[in-house]
Amino acid sequence: LGDIIPDFVMGRTTCCLFVSIQYHSLHPNYIHERIKHLGKLYQLRILLVLVDTQECHKILKDLARIAILSDLTLIVCWSNEEAARYIETYKIFENKPPDIL
């Protein structure tokens, strides 16, 4: 997995793991391994899920359960552009005070 464990680091205390519904359906253990390697390195840990298939309800429910049990914030997006906007927004607000949100 290299030196950087999460897919995206959006600040000193914030990181993101990314997975698509389709990829998770083909490799269901992938996200578990990623979470295990991540440990408790970050305060805010986001699981960003791309919905890229019509039949997603069962898999989304599974990913929501995984996120809750692993202390991750689940964000669901429907396009790569939307996923990128979430990542950019977290990075933009990295050093802003909470009251600006």
PDB file of N, CA and C in Angstrom:
ATOM      1  N   LEU A   1       0.811  -1.208   0.000  1.00  0.00           N
ATOM      2  CA  LEU A   1       0.000   0.000   0.000  1.00  0.00           C
ATOM      3  C   LEU A   1       0.849   1.264   0.000  1.00  0.00           C
ATOM      4  N   GLY A   2       2.155   1.157   0.205  1.00  0.00           N
ATOM      5  CA  GLY A   2       3.019   2.320   0.134  1.00  0.00           C
ATOM      6  C   GLY A   2       3.063   3.100   1.435  1.00  0.00           C
ATOM      7  N   ASP A   3       3.640   4.295   1.368  1.00  0.00           N
ATOM      8  CA  ASP A   3       3.802   5.128   2.554  1.00  0.00           C
ATOM      9  C   ASP A   3       2.499   5.790   2.991  1.00  0.00           C
ATOM     10  N   ILE A   4       1.670   6.186   2.024  1.00  0.00           N
ATOM     11  CA  ILE A   4       0.404   6.836   2.346  1.00  0.00           C
ATOM     12  C   ILE A   4      -0.670   5.756   2.364  1.00  0.00           C
ATOM     13  N   ILE A   5      -1.236   5.528   3.529  1.00  0.00           N
ATOM     14  CA  ILE A   5      -2.210   4.452   3.690  1.00  0.00           C
ATOM     15  C   ILE A   5      -3.569   4.815   3.102  1.00  0.00           C
ATOM     16  N   PRO A   6      -4.119   6.013   3.410  1.00  0.00           N
ATOM     17  CA  PRO A   6      -5.423   6.345   2.810  1.00  0.00           C
ATOM     18  C   PRO A   6      -5.269   6.739   1.344  1.00  0.00           C
ATOM     19  N   ASP A   7      -6.383   6.778   0.641  1.00  0.00           N
ATOM     20  CA  ASP A   7      -6.350   7.214  -0.756  1.00  0.00           C
ATOM     21  C   ASP A   7      -6.099   8.708  -0.867  1.00  0.00           C
ATOM     22  N   PHE A   8      -6.669   9.469   0.069  1.00  0.00           N
ATOM     23  CA  PHE A   8      -6.514  10.924   0.062  1.00  0.00           C
ATOM     24  C   PHE A   8      -6.279  11.408   1.474  1.00  0.00           C
ATOM     25  N   VAL A   9      -5.318  12.318   1.628  1.00  0.00           N
ATOM     26  CA  VAL A   9      -5.079  12.992   2.899  1.00  0.00           C
ATOM     27  C   VAL A   9      -5.523  14.428   2.694  1.00  0.00           C
ATOM     28  N   MET A  10      -6.509  14.847   3.483  1.00  0.00           N
ATOM     29  CA  MET A  10      -7.106  16.166   3.295  1.00  0.00           C
ATOM     30  C   MET A  10      -6.785  17.105   4.454  1.00  0.00           C
ATOM     31  N   GLY A  11      -5.734  16.808   5.159  1.00  0.00           N
ATOM     32  CA  GLY A  11      -5.316  17.611   6.298  1.00  0.00           C
ATOM     33  C   GLY A  11      -4.583  16.725   7.291  1.00  0.00           C
ATOM     34  N   ARG A  12      -4.072  17.344   8.347  1.00  0.00           N
ATOM     35  CA  ARG A  12      -3.328  16.579   9.359  1.00  0.00           C
ATOM     36  C   ARG A  12      -4.178  15.511  10.019  1.00  0.00           C
ATOM     37  N   THR A  13      -5.472  15.792  10.171  1.00  0.00           N
ATOM     38  CA  THR A  13      -6.333  14.887  10.932  1.00  0.00           C
ATOM     39  C   THR A  13      -7.445  14.265  10.090  1.00  0.00           C
ATOM     40  N   THR A  14      -7.437  14.496   8.784  1.00  0.00           N
ATOM     41  CA  THR A  14      -8.531  14.035   7.928  1.00  0.00           C
ATOM     42  C   THR A  14      -7.999  13.209   6.761  1.00  0.00           C
ATOM     43  N   CYS A  15      -8.641  12.058   6.548  1.00  0.00           N
ATOM     44  CA  CYS A  15      -8.256  11.219   5.417  1.00  0.00           C
ATOM     45  C   CYS A  15      -9.490  10.583   4.797  1.00  0.00           C
ATOM     46  N   CYS A  16      -9.289   9.981   3.628  1.00  0.00           N
ATOM     47  CA  CYS A  16     -10.397   9.403   2.886  1.00  0.00           C
ATOM     48  C   CYS A  16      -9.971   8.094   2.233  1.00  0.00           C
ATOM     49  N   LEU A  17     -10.832   7.096   2.386  1.00  0.00           N
ATOM     50  CA  LEU A  17     -10.711   5.857   1.623  1.00  0.00           C
ATOM     51  C   LEU A  17     -11.783   5.898   0.552  1.00  0.00           C
ATOM     52  N   PHE A  18     -11.434   5.494  -0.657  1.00  0.00           N
ATOM     53  CA  PHE A  18     -12.367   5.546  -1.782  1.00  0.00           C
ATOM     54  C   PHE A  18     -12.625   4.132  -2.284  1.00  0.00           C
ATOM     55  N   VAL A  19     -13.891   3.833  -2.566  1.00  0.00           N
ATOM     56  CA  VAL A  19     -14.248   2.553  -3.162  1.00  0.00           C
ATOM     57  C   VAL A  19     -15.516   2.743  -3.987  1.00  0.00           C
ATOM     58  N   SER A  20     -15.606   2.010  -5.082  1.00  0.00           N
ATOM     59  CA  SER A  20     -16.832   2.038  -5.879  1.00  0.00           C
ATOM     60  C   SER A  20     -17.678   0.824  -5.516  1.00  0.00           C
ATOM     61  N   ILE A  21     -18.971   0.938  -5.750  1.00  0.00           N
ATOM     62  CA  ILE A  21     -19.888  -0.174  -5.484  1.00  0.00           C
ATOM     63  C   ILE A  21     -19.463  -1.402  -6.289  1.00  0.00           C
ATOM     64  N   GLN A  22     -19.170  -1.185  -7.554  1.00  0.00           N
ATOM     65  CA  GLN A  22     -18.796  -2.296  -8.425  1.00  0.00           C
ATOM     66  C   GLN A  22     -17.521  -2.986  -7.929  1.00  0.00           C
ATOM     67  N   TYR A  23     -16.525  -2.195  -7.544  1.00  0.00           N
ATOM     68  CA  TYR A  23     -15.270  -2.778  -7.061  1.00  0.00           C
ATOM     69  C   TYR A  23     -15.505  -3.549  -5.769  1.00  0.00           C
ATOM     70  N   HIS A  24     -16.313  -2.976  -4.875  1.00  0.00           N
ATOM     71  CA  HIS A  24     -16.594  -3.655  -3.610  1.00  0.00           C
ATOM     72  C   HIS A  24     -17.334  -4.977  -3.838  1.00  0.00           C
ATOM     73  N   SER A  25     -18.213  -5.001  -4.818  1.00  0.00           N
ATOM     74  CA  SER A  25     -18.942  -6.246  -5.089  1.00  0.00           C
ATOM     75  C   SER A  25     -18.006  -7.337  -5.618  1.00  0.00           C
ATOM     76  N   LEU A  26     -16.949  -6.941  -6.336  1.00  0.00           N
ATOM     77  CA  LEU A  26     -15.974  -7.906  -6.855  1.00  0.00           C
ATOM     78  C   LEU A  26     -14.909  -8.284  -5.830  1.00  0.00           C
ATOM     79  N   HIS A  27     -14.587  -7.354  -4.925  1.00  0.00           N
ATOM     80  CA  HIS A  27     -13.515  -7.555  -3.943  1.00  0.00           C
ATOM     81  C   HIS A  27     -14.003  -7.108  -2.556  1.00  0.00           C
ATOM     82  N   PRO A  28     -14.904  -7.861  -1.945  1.00  0.00           N
ATOM     83  CA  PRO A  28     -15.504  -7.416  -0.679  1.00  0.00           C
ATOM     84  C   PRO A  28     -14.528  -7.308   0.494  1.00  0.00           C
ATOM     85  N   ASN A  29     -13.404  -7.978   0.449  1.00  0.00           N
ATOM     86  CA  ASN A  29     -12.440  -7.892   1.555  1.00  0.00           C
ATOM     87  C   ASN A  29     -11.484  -6.713   1.431  1.00  0.00           C
ATOM     88  N   TYR A  30     -11.460  -6.081   0.264  1.00  0.00           N
ATOM     89  CA  TYR A  30     -10.528  -4.975   0.001  1.00  0.00           C
ATOM     90  C   TYR A  30     -10.672  -3.862   1.040  1.00  0.00           C
ATOM     91  N   ILE A  31     -11.891  -3.401   1.265  1.00  0.00           N
ATOM     92  CA  ILE A  31     -12.083  -2.262   2.163  1.00  0.00           C
ATOM     93  C   ILE A  31     -11.753  -2.640   3.599  1.00  0.00           C
ATOM     94  N   HIS A  32     -12.012  -3.879   3.980  1.00  0.00           N
ATOM     95  CA  HIS A  32     -11.658  -4.325   5.335  1.00  0.00           C
ATOM     96  C   HIS A  32     -10.149  -4.255   5.552  1.00  0.00           C
ATOM     97  N   GLU A  33      -9.385  -4.680   4.548  1.00  0.00           N
ATOM     98  CA  GLU A  33      -7.924  -4.622   4.650  1.00  0.00           C
ATOM     99  C   GLU A  33      -7.437  -3.178   4.713  1.00  0.00           C
ATOM    100  N   ARG A  34      -8.038  -2.323   3.912  1.00  0.00           N
ATOM    101  CA  ARG A  34      -7.644  -0.899   3.917  1.00  0.00           C
ATOM    102  C   ARG A  34      -7.904  -0.267   5.281  1.00  0.00           C
ATOM    103  N   ILE A  35      -9.062  -0.569   5.859  1.00  0.00           N
ATOM    104  CA  ILE A  35      -9.414  -0.018   7.169  1.00  0.00           C
ATOM    105  C   ILE A  35      -8.465  -0.555   8.241  1.00  0.00           C
ATOM    106  N   LYS A  36      -8.139  -1.829   8.147  1.00  0.00           N
ATOM    107  CA  LYS A  36      -7.222  -2.431   9.118  1.00  0.00           C
ATOM    108  C   LYS A  36      -5.863  -1.734   9.062  1.00  0.00           C
ATOM    109  N   HIS A  37      -5.351  -1.475   7.862  1.00  0.00           N
ATOM    110  CA  HIS A  37      -4.060  -0.792   7.721  1.00  0.00           C
ATOM    111  C   HIS A  37      -4.138   0.663   8.172  1.00  0.00           C
ATOM    112  N   LEU A  38      -5.289   1.280   8.018  1.00  0.00           N
ATOM    113  CA  LEU A  38      -5.462   2.674   8.417  1.00  0.00           C
ATOM    114  C   LEU A  38      -5.379   2.822   9.929  1.00  0.00           C
ATOM    115  N   GLY A  39      -5.910   1.861  10.646  1.00  0.00           N
ATOM    116  CA  GLY A  39      -5.873   1.932  12.107  1.00  0.00           C
ATOM    117  C   GLY A  39      -6.611   3.164  12.607  1.00  0.00           C
ATOM    118  N   LYS A  40      -6.032   3.835  13.583  1.00  0.00           N
ATOM    119  CA  LYS A  40      -6.634   5.047  14.169  1.00  0.00           C
ATOM    120  C   LYS A  40      -5.750   6.269  13.902  1.00  0.00           C
ATOM    121  N   LEU A  41      -5.141   6.304  12.709  1.00  0.00           N
ATOM    122  CA  LEU A  41      -4.178   7.360  12.399  1.00  0.00           C
ATOM    123  C   LEU A  41      -4.786   8.748  12.251  1.00  0.00           C
ATOM    124  N   TYR A  42      -6.071   8.839  11.940  1.00  0.00           N
ATOM    125  CA  TYR A  42      -6.700  10.135  11.677  1.00  0.00           C
ATOM    126  C   TYR A  42      -7.948  10.293  12.533  1.00  0.00           C
ATOM    127  N   GLN A  43      -8.270  11.555  12.894  1.00  0.00           N
ATOM    128  CA  GLN A  43      -9.478  11.826  13.674  1.00  0.00           C
ATOM    129  C   GLN A  43     -10.726  11.693  12.819  1.00  0.00           C
ATOM    130  N   LEU A  44     -10.704  12.294  11.642  1.00  0.00           N
ATOM    131  CA  LEU A  44     -11.841  12.227  10.721  1.00  0.00           C
ATOM    132  C   LEU A  44     -11.457  11.307   9.579  1.00  0.00           C
ATOM    133  N   ARG A  45     -12.162  10.181   9.514  1.00  0.00           N
ATOM    134  CA  ARG A  45     -11.863   9.161   8.508  1.00  0.00           C
ATOM    135  C   ARG A  45     -13.118   8.981   7.656  1.00  0.00           C
ATOM    136  N   ILE A  46     -12.988   9.245   6.376  1.00  0.00           N
ATOM    137  CA  ILE A  46     -14.127   9.243   5.467  1.00  0.00           C
ATOM    138  C   ILE A  46     -14.056   8.033   4.549  1.00  0.00           C
ATOM    139  N   LEU A  47     -15.201   7.396   4.367  1.00  0.00           N
ATOM    140  CA  LEU A  47     -15.334   6.349   3.356  1.00  0.00           C
ATOM    141  C   LEU A  47     -16.176   6.944   2.234  1.00  0.00           C
ATOM    142  N   LEU A  48     -15.530   7.251   1.129  1.00  0.00           N
ATOM    143  CA  LEU A  48     -16.184   7.860  -0.023  1.00  0.00           C
ATOM    144  C   LEU A  48     -16.543   6.754  -1.006  1.00  0.00           C
ATOM    145  N   VAL A  49     -17.841   6.599  -1.250  1.00  0.00           N
ATOM    146  CA  VAL A  49     -18.340   5.487  -2.064  1.00  0.00           C
ATOM    147  C   VAL A  49     -18.950   6.031  -3.352  1.00  0.00           C
ATOM    148  N   LEU A  50     -18.462   5.522  -4.469  1.00  0.00           N
ATOM    149  CA  LEU A  50     -18.992   5.888  -5.786  1.00  0.00           C
ATOM    150  C   LEU A  50     -20.033   4.858  -6.206  1.00  0.00           C
ATOM    151  N   VAL A  51     -21.261   5.316  -6.454  1.00  0.00           N
ATOM    152  CA  VAL A  51     -22.315   4.437  -6.950  1.00  0.00           C
ATOM    153  C   VAL A  51     -22.157   4.362  -8.465  1.00  0.00           C
ATOM    154  N   ASP A  52     -21.720   3.201  -8.943  1.00  0.00           N
ATOM    155  CA  ASP A  52     -21.459   3.021 -10.372  1.00  0.00           C
ATOM    156  C   ASP A  52     -22.189   1.812 -10.937  1.00  0.00           C
ATOM    157  N   THR A  53     -23.266   1.431 -10.280  1.00  0.00           N
ATOM    158  CA  THR A  53     -24.088   0.315 -10.749  1.00  0.00           C
ATOM    159  C   THR A  53     -25.523   0.523 -10.275  1.00  0.00           C
ATOM    160  N   GLN A  54     -26.479  -0.033 -11.014  1.00  0.00           N
ATOM    161  CA  GLN A  54     -27.892   0.136 -10.669  1.00  0.00           C
ATOM    162  C   GLN A  54     -28.265  -0.601  -9.386  1.00  0.00           C
ATOM    163  N   GLU A  55     -27.778  -1.815  -9.236  1.00  0.00           N
ATOM    164  CA  GLU A  55     -28.116  -2.632  -8.070  1.00  0.00           C
ATOM    165  C   GLU A  55     -27.140  -2.327  -6.942  1.00  0.00           C
ATOM    166  N   CYS A  56     -27.466  -1.319  -6.151  1.00  0.00           N
ATOM    167  CA  CYS A  56     -26.501  -0.872  -5.149  1.00  0.00           C
ATOM    168  C   CYS A  56     -27.015  -0.936  -3.713  1.00  0.00           C
ATOM    169  N   HIS A  57     -28.298  -1.172  -3.500  1.00  0.00           N
ATOM    170  CA  HIS A  57     -28.866  -1.055  -2.159  1.00  0.00           C
ATOM    171  C   HIS A  57     -28.236  -1.997  -1.147  1.00  0.00           C
ATOM    172  N   LYS A  58     -28.079  -3.253  -1.507  1.00  0.00           N
ATOM    173  CA  LYS A  58     -27.513  -4.232  -0.585  1.00  0.00           C
ATOM    174  C   LYS A  58     -26.056  -3.896  -0.258  1.00  0.00           C
ATOM    175  N   ILE A  59     -25.299  -3.528  -1.267  1.00  0.00           N
ATOM    176  CA  ILE A  59     -23.880  -3.208  -1.069  1.00  0.00           C
ATOM    177  C   ILE A  59     -23.727  -1.914  -0.275  1.00  0.00           C
ATOM    178  N   LEU A  60     -24.580  -0.918  -0.560  1.00  0.00           N
ATOM    179  CA  LEU A  60     -24.538   0.329   0.215  1.00  0.00           C
ATOM    180  C   LEU A  60     -24.848   0.072   1.680  1.00  0.00           C
ATOM    181  N   LYS A  61     -25.807  -0.794   1.932  1.00  0.00           N
ATOM    182  CA  LYS A  61     -26.155  -1.142   3.312  1.00  0.00           C
ATOM    183  C   LYS A  61     -24.955  -1.795   3.996  1.00  0.00           C
ATOM    184  N   ASP A  62     -24.263  -2.670   3.289  1.00  0.00           N
ATOM    185  CA  ASP A  62     -23.073  -3.323   3.825  1.00  0.00           C
ATOM    186  C   ASP A  62     -21.974  -2.305   4.113  1.00  0.00           C
ATOM    187  N   LEU A  63     -21.747  -1.387   3.182  1.00  0.00           N
ATOM    188  CA  LEU A  63     -20.712  -0.365   3.379  1.00  0.00           C
ATOM    189  C   LEU A  63     -21.076   0.595   4.508  1.00  0.00           C
ATOM    190  N   ALA A  64     -22.358   0.892   4.668  1.00  0.00           N
ATOM    191  CA  ALA A  64     -22.798   1.742   5.776  1.00  0.00           C
ATOM    192  C   ALA A  64     -22.512   1.051   7.114  1.00  0.00           C
ATOM    193  N   ARG A  65     -22.782  -0.238   7.193  1.00  0.00           N
ATOM    194  CA  ARG A  65     -22.502  -1.009   8.405  1.00  0.00           C
ATOM    195  C   ARG A  65     -20.998  -1.008   8.699  1.00  0.00           C
ATOM    196  N   ILE A  66     -20.204  -1.227   7.662  1.00  0.00           N
ATOM    197  CA  ILE A  66     -18.742  -1.221   7.826  1.00  0.00           C
ATOM    198  C   ILE A  66     -18.275   0.138   8.332  1.00  0.00           C
ATOM    199  N   ALA A  67     -18.817   1.216   7.747  1.00  0.00           N
ATOM    200  CA  ALA A  67     -18.422   2.570   8.154  1.00  0.00           C
ATOM    201  C   ALA A  67     -18.768   2.822   9.620  1.00  0.00           C
ATOM    202  N   ILE A  68     -19.960   2.445  10.030  1.00  0.00           N
ATOM    203  CA  ILE A  68     -20.375   2.668  11.420  1.00  0.00           C
ATOM    204  C   ILE A  68     -19.479   1.888  12.381  1.00  0.00           C
ATOM    205  N   LEU A  69     -19.253   0.630  12.091  1.00  0.00           N
ATOM    206  CA  LEU A  69     -18.453  -0.213  12.976  1.00  0.00           C
ATOM    207  C   LEU A  69     -16.976   0.183  12.999  1.00  0.00           C
ATOM    208  N   SER A  70     -16.518   0.874  11.959  1.00  0.00           N
ATOM    209  CA  SER A  70     -15.099   1.255  11.856  1.00  0.00           C
ATOM    210  C   SER A  70     -14.861   2.727  12.160  1.00  0.00           C
ATOM    211  N   ASP A  71     -15.890   3.419  12.643  1.00  0.00           N
ATOM    212  CA  ASP A  71     -15.772   4.840  12.980  1.00  0.00           C
ATOM    213  C   ASP A  71     -15.363   5.680  11.771  1.00  0.00           C
ATOM    214  N   LEU A  72     -16.015   5.411  10.638  1.00  0.00           N
ATOM    215  CA  LEU A  72     -15.793   6.172   9.412  1.00  0.00           C
ATOM    216  C   LEU A  72     -17.047   6.981   9.084  1.00  0.00           C
ATOM    217  N   THR A  73     -16.866   8.119   8.482  1.00  0.00           N
ATOM    218  CA  THR A  73     -17.980   8.903   7.963  1.00  0.00           C
ATOM    219  C   THR A  73     -18.230   8.464   6.533  1.00  0.00           C
ATOM    220  N   LEU A  74     -19.455   8.045   6.245  1.00  0.00           N
ATOM    221  CA  LEU A  74     -19.803   7.566   4.906  1.00  0.00           C
ATOM    222  C   LEU A  74     -20.328   8.723   4.058  1.00  0.00           C
ATOM    223  N   ILE A  75     -19.733   8.897   2.885  1.00  0.00           N
ATOM    224  CA  ILE A  75     -20.223   9.865   1.900  1.00  0.00           C
ATOM    225  C   ILE A  75     -20.443   9.099   0.602  1.00  0.00           C
ATOM    226  N   VAL A  76     -21.641   9.246   0.051  1.00  0.00           N
ATOM    227  CA  VAL A  76     -22.006   8.544  -1.179  1.00  0.00           C
ATOM    228  C   VAL A  76     -22.078   9.553  -2.311  1.00  0.00           C
ATOM    229  N   CYS A  77     -21.474   9.220  -3.450  1.00  0.00           N
ATOM    230  CA  CYS A  77     -21.508  10.093  -4.622  1.00  0.00           C
ATOM    231  C   CYS A  77     -21.881   9.281  -5.853  1.00  0.00           C
ATOM    232  N   TRP A  78     -22.368   9.986  -6.873  1.00  0.00           N
ATOM    233  CA  TRP A  78     -22.855   9.312  -8.066  1.00  0.00           C
ATOM    234  C   TRP A  78     -22.021   9.596  -9.319  1.00  0.00           C
ATOM    235  N   SER A  79     -20.913  10.305  -9.159  1.00  0.00           N
ATOM    236  CA  SER A  79     -20.010  10.537 -10.292  1.00  0.00           C
ATOM    237  C   SER A  79     -18.607  10.813  -9.753  1.00  0.00           C
ATOM    238  N   ASN A  80     -17.624  10.621 -10.620  1.00  0.00           N
ATOM    239  CA  ASN A  80     -16.244  10.938 -10.231  1.00  0.00           C
ATOM    240  C   ASN A  80     -16.089  12.420  -9.936  1.00  0.00           C
ATOM    241  N   GLU A  81     -16.809  13.253 -10.677  1.00  0.00           N
ATOM    242  CA  GLU A  81     -16.746  14.699 -10.471  1.00  0.00           C
ATOM    243  C   GLU A  81     -17.272  15.079  -9.091  1.00  0.00           C
ATOM    244  N   GLU A  82     -18.376  14.452  -8.694  1.00  0.00           N
ATOM    245  CA  GLU A  82     -18.932  14.724  -7.366  1.00  0.00           C
ATOM    246  C   GLU A  82     -17.959  14.276  -6.277  1.00  0.00           C
ATOM    247  N   ALA A  83     -17.332  13.117  -6.454  1.00  0.00           N
ATOM    248  CA  ALA A  83     -16.338  12.636  -5.494  1.00  0.00           C
ATOM    249  C   ALA A  83     -15.188  13.630  -5.376  1.00  0.00           C
ATOM    250  N   ALA A  84     -14.730  14.124  -6.505  1.00  0.00           N
ATOM    251  CA  ALA A  84     -13.630  15.097  -6.506  1.00  0.00           C
ATOM    252  C   ALA A  84     -14.029  16.381  -5.776  1.00  0.00           C
ATOM    253  N   ARG A  85     -15.273  16.831  -5.961  1.00  0.00           N
ATOM    254  CA  ARG A  85     -15.737  18.039  -5.270  1.00  0.00           C
ATOM    255  C   ARG A  85     -15.734  17.855  -3.751  1.00  0.00           C
ATOM    256  N   TYR A  86     -16.137  16.689  -3.271  1.00  0.00           N
ATOM    257  CA  TYR A  86     -16.091  16.439  -1.827  1.00  0.00           C
ATOM    258  C   TYR A  86     -14.662  16.522  -1.313  1.00  0.00           C
ATOM    259  N   ILE A  87     -13.749  15.893  -2.019  1.00  0.00           N
ATOM    260  CA  ILE A  87     -12.343  15.910  -1.602  1.00  0.00           C
ATOM    261  C   ILE A  87     -11.794  17.331  -1.621  1.00  0.00           C
ATOM    262  N   GLU A  88     -12.068  18.071  -2.690  1.00  0.00           N
ATOM    263  CA  GLU A  88     -11.616  19.457  -2.797  1.00  0.00           C
ATOM    264  C   GLU A  88     -12.173  20.312  -1.671  1.00  0.00           C
ATOM    265  N   THR A  89     -13.451  20.134  -1.365  1.00  0.00           N
ATOM    266  CA  THR A  89     -14.088  20.932  -0.319  1.00  0.00           C
ATOM    267  C   THR A  89     -13.444  20.679   1.038  1.00  0.00           C
ATOM    268  N   TYR A  90     -13.203  19.435   1.359  1.00  0.00           N
ATOM    269  CA  TYR A  90     -12.523  19.136   2.626  1.00  0.00           C
ATOM    270  C   TYR A  90     -11.145  19.778   2.657  1.00  0.00           C
ATOM    271  N   LYS A  91     -10.431  19.729   1.549  1.00  0.00           N
ATOM    272  CA  LYS A  91      -9.094  20.313   1.496  1.00  0.00           C
ATOM    273  C   LYS A  91      -9.156  21.840   1.626  1.00  0.00           C
ATOM    274  N   ILE A  92     -10.127  22.477   0.981  1.00  0.00           N
ATOM    275  CA  ILE A  92     -10.274  23.937   1.056  1.00  0.00           C
ATOM    276  C   ILE A  92     -10.533  24.384   2.488  1.00  0.00           C
ATOM    277  N   PHE A  93     -11.359  23.625   3.212  1.00  0.00           N
ATOM    278  CA  PHE A  93     -11.736  24.015   4.569  1.00  0.00           C
ATOM    279  C   PHE A  93     -10.801  23.442   5.632  1.00  0.00           C
ATOM    280  N   GLU A  94      -9.686  22.887   5.218  1.00  0.00           N
ATOM    281  CA  GLU A  94      -8.740  22.247   6.127  1.00  0.00           C
ATOM    282  C   GLU A  94      -8.317  23.150   7.285  1.00  0.00           C
ATOM    283  N   ASN A  95      -7.985  24.389   7.001  1.00  0.00           N
ATOM    284  CA  ASN A  95      -7.479  25.301   8.040  1.00  0.00           C
ATOM    285  C   ASN A  95      -8.475  26.387   8.432  1.00  0.00           C
ATOM    286  N   LYS A  96      -9.724  26.229   8.060  1.00  0.00           N
ATOM    287  CA  LYS A  96     -10.743  27.212   8.400  1.00  0.00           C
ATOM    288  C   LYS A  96     -11.323  26.897   9.772  1.00  0.00           C
ATOM    289  N   PRO A  97     -11.733  27.947  10.498  1.00  0.00           N
ATOM    290  CA  PRO A  97     -12.346  27.704  11.811  1.00  0.00           C
ATOM    291  C   PRO A  97     -13.742  27.076  11.636  1.00  0.00           C
ATOM    292  N   PRO A  98     -14.183  26.310  12.624  1.00  0.00           N
ATOM    293  CA  PRO A  98     -15.482  25.620  12.518  1.00  0.00           C
ATOM    294  C   PRO A  98     -16.673  26.550  12.294  1.00  0.00           C
ATOM    295  N   ASP A  99     -16.609  27.783  12.819  1.00  0.00           N
ATOM    296  CA  ASP A  99     -17.765  28.677  12.688  1.00  0.00           C
ATOM    297  C   ASP A  99     -17.973  29.171  11.261  1.00  0.00           C
ATOM    298  N   ILE A 100     -16.978  29.024  10.385  1.00  0.00           N
ATOM    299  CA  ILE A 100     -17.147  29.444   8.982  1.00  0.00           C
ATOM    300  C   ILE A 100     -17.990  28.451   8.202  1.00  0.00           C
ATOM    301  N   LEU A 101     -18.057  27.220   8.683  1.00  0.00           N
ATOM    302  CA  LEU A 101     -18.849  26.189   8.013  1.00  0.00           C
ATOM    303  C   LEU A 101     -20.304  26.483   8.232  1.00  0.00           C
TER     304      LEU A 101
END
